Amino acid sequence: MFDGVTLPEARGRGAQSALLTARVRVASAEGCRWIVAETGVEGPGEHNPSLHNMVRVGFEPLYERATWLWRA
């Protein structure tokens, strides 16, 4: 489910939702019982279209994962 991008001028037409749906169908047909995806959480006043696309096709948020950055 990793990495999908739509050109800015083509956004808002359902391409990502269609790709996510197709990927889920293929994975299910191949016998996958679990399908995992990740995206960033929404902060106050933010909107994450990827998160909304995933929820729209049936994914459920399970937890928020901390992202760590190591600095020397």
C-alpha atoms as a PDB file:
ATOM      1  CA  MET A   1       0.000   0.000   0.000  1.00  0.00           C
ATOM      2  CA  PHE A   2       3.065   2.225   0.063  1.00  0.00           C
ATOM      3  CA  ASP A   3       3.438   5.349  -2.008  1.00  0.00           C
ATOM      4  CA  GLY A   4       0.826   6.795  -4.260  1.00  0.00           C
ATOM      5  CA  VAL A   5       0.903  10.268  -5.727  1.00  0.00           C
ATOM      6  CA  THR A   6      -1.500  12.251  -7.875  1.00  0.00           C
ATOM      7  CA  LEU A   7      -0.377  15.301  -9.811  1.00  0.00           C
ATOM      8  CA  PRO A   8      -1.781  18.499  -8.277  1.00  0.00           C
ATOM      9  CA  GLU A   9      -3.810  19.317 -11.390  1.00  0.00           C
ATOM     10  CA  ALA A  10      -5.466  15.868 -11.316  1.00  0.00           C
ATOM     11  CA  ARG A  11      -6.400  15.781  -7.616  1.00  0.00           C
ATOM     12  CA  GLY A  12      -9.928  15.632  -6.310  1.00  0.00           C
ATOM     13  CA  ARG A  13     -11.186  13.142  -8.901  1.00  0.00           C
ATOM     14  CA  GLY A  14     -10.927   9.911  -6.925  1.00  0.00           C
ATOM     15  CA  ALA A  15      -7.708   8.498  -8.396  1.00  0.00           C
ATOM     16  CA  GLN A  16      -6.117   7.630  -5.058  1.00  0.00           C
ATOM     17  CA  SER A  17      -9.311   6.055  -3.727  1.00  0.00           C
ATOM     18  CA  ALA A  18      -9.560   3.974  -6.922  1.00  0.00           C
ATOM     19  CA  LEU A  19      -5.931   2.839  -6.603  1.00  0.00           C
ATOM     20  CA  LEU A  20      -6.360   1.952  -2.923  1.00  0.00           C
ATOM     21  CA  THR A  21      -9.543   0.010  -3.696  1.00  0.00           C
ATOM     22  CA  ALA A  22      -7.862  -1.894  -6.534  1.00  0.00           C
ATOM     23  CA  ARG A  23      -4.858  -2.765  -4.345  1.00  0.00           C
ATOM     24  CA  VAL A  24      -7.126  -4.031  -1.559  1.00  0.00           C
ATOM     25  CA  ARG A  25      -9.114  -6.173  -3.997  1.00  0.00           C
ATOM     26  CA  VAL A  26      -5.982  -7.747  -5.486  1.00  0.00           C
ATOM     27  CA  ALA A  27      -4.476  -8.414  -2.067  1.00  0.00           C
ATOM     28  CA  SER A  28      -7.716  -9.988  -0.873  1.00  0.00           C
ATOM     29  CA  ALA A  29      -7.980 -12.136  -4.008  1.00  0.00           C
ATOM     30  CA  GLU A  30      -4.422 -13.332  -3.371  1.00  0.00           C
ATOM     31  CA  GLY A  31      -5.376 -14.447   0.131  1.00  0.00           C
ATOM     32  CA  CYS A  32      -4.098 -11.575   2.250  1.00  0.00           C
ATOM     33  CA  ARG A  33      -5.919 -11.378   5.547  1.00  0.00           C
ATOM     34  CA  TRP A  34      -4.267  -8.162   6.721  1.00  0.00           C
ATOM     35  CA  ILE A  35      -3.521  -5.062   4.711  1.00  0.00           C
ATOM     36  CA  VAL A  36      -1.490  -2.336   6.378  1.00  0.00           C
ATOM     37  CA  ALA A  37      -0.957   1.280   5.423  1.00  0.00           C
ATOM     38  CA  GLU A  38       0.359   4.343   7.180  1.00  0.00           C
ATOM     39  CA  THR A  39       0.079   8.073   6.842  1.00  0.00           C
ATOM     40  CA  GLY A  40       0.563  11.103   9.038  1.00  0.00           C
ATOM     41  CA  VAL A  41      -1.930  12.196  11.650  1.00  0.00           C
ATOM     42  CA  GLU A  42      -3.797  15.456  11.355  1.00  0.00           C
ATOM     43  CA  GLY A  43      -2.746  18.215  13.681  1.00  0.00           C
ATOM     44  CA  PRO A  44      -5.052  20.988  14.805  1.00  0.00           C
ATOM     45  CA  GLY A  45      -6.318  22.849  11.747  1.00  0.00           C
ATOM     46  CA  GLU A  46      -4.655  20.395   9.332  1.00  0.00           C
ATOM     47  CA  HIS A  47      -6.240  18.195   6.672  1.00  0.00           C
ATOM     48  CA  ASN A  48      -4.548  15.003   5.485  1.00  0.00           C
ATOM     49  CA  PRO A  49      -6.191  13.809   2.231  1.00  0.00           C
ATOM     50  CA  SER A  50      -4.296  10.483   2.373  1.00  0.00           C
ATOM     51  CA  LEU A  51      -5.782   9.690   5.769  1.00  0.00           C
ATOM     52  CA  HIS A  52      -9.290  10.467   4.533  1.00  0.00           C
ATOM     53  CA  ASN A  53      -8.804   8.383   1.372  1.00  0.00           C
ATOM     54  CA  MET A  54      -7.699   5.382   3.431  1.00  0.00           C
ATOM     55  CA  VAL A  55     -10.645   5.660   5.803  1.00  0.00           C
ATOM     56  CA  ARG A  56     -13.017   6.080   2.845  1.00  0.00           C
ATOM     57  CA  VAL A  57     -11.954   2.720   1.349  1.00  0.00           C
ATOM     58  CA  GLY A  58     -12.263   0.891   4.670  1.00  0.00           C
ATOM     59  CA  PHE A  59      -9.009   1.251   6.598  1.00  0.00           C
ATOM     60  CA  GLU A  60      -9.361   1.919  10.304  1.00  0.00           C
ATOM     61  CA  PRO A  61      -6.824   3.927  12.308  1.00  0.00           C
ATOM     62  CA  LEU A  62      -5.429   1.649  15.030  1.00  0.00           C
ATOM     63  CA  TYR A  63      -2.778   3.765  16.718  1.00  0.00           C
ATOM     64  CA  GLU A  64      -0.455   6.723  16.340  1.00  0.00           C
ATOM     65  CA  ARG A  65       3.243   5.908  16.024  1.00  0.00           C
ATOM     66  CA  ALA A  66       5.921   8.289  17.188  1.00  0.00           C
ATOM     67  CA  THR A  67       8.499   9.202  14.545  1.00  0.00           C
ATOM     68  CA  TRP A  68      12.007   9.414  15.945  1.00  0.00           C
ATOM     69  CA  LEU A  69      14.849  11.410  14.475  1.00  0.00           C
ATOM     70  CA  TRP A  70      18.424  10.625  15.465  1.00  0.00           C
ATOM     71  CA  ARG A  71      20.953  13.431  15.452  1.00  0.00           C
ATOM     72  CA  ALA A  72      24.657  13.005  15.973  1.00  0.00           C
END
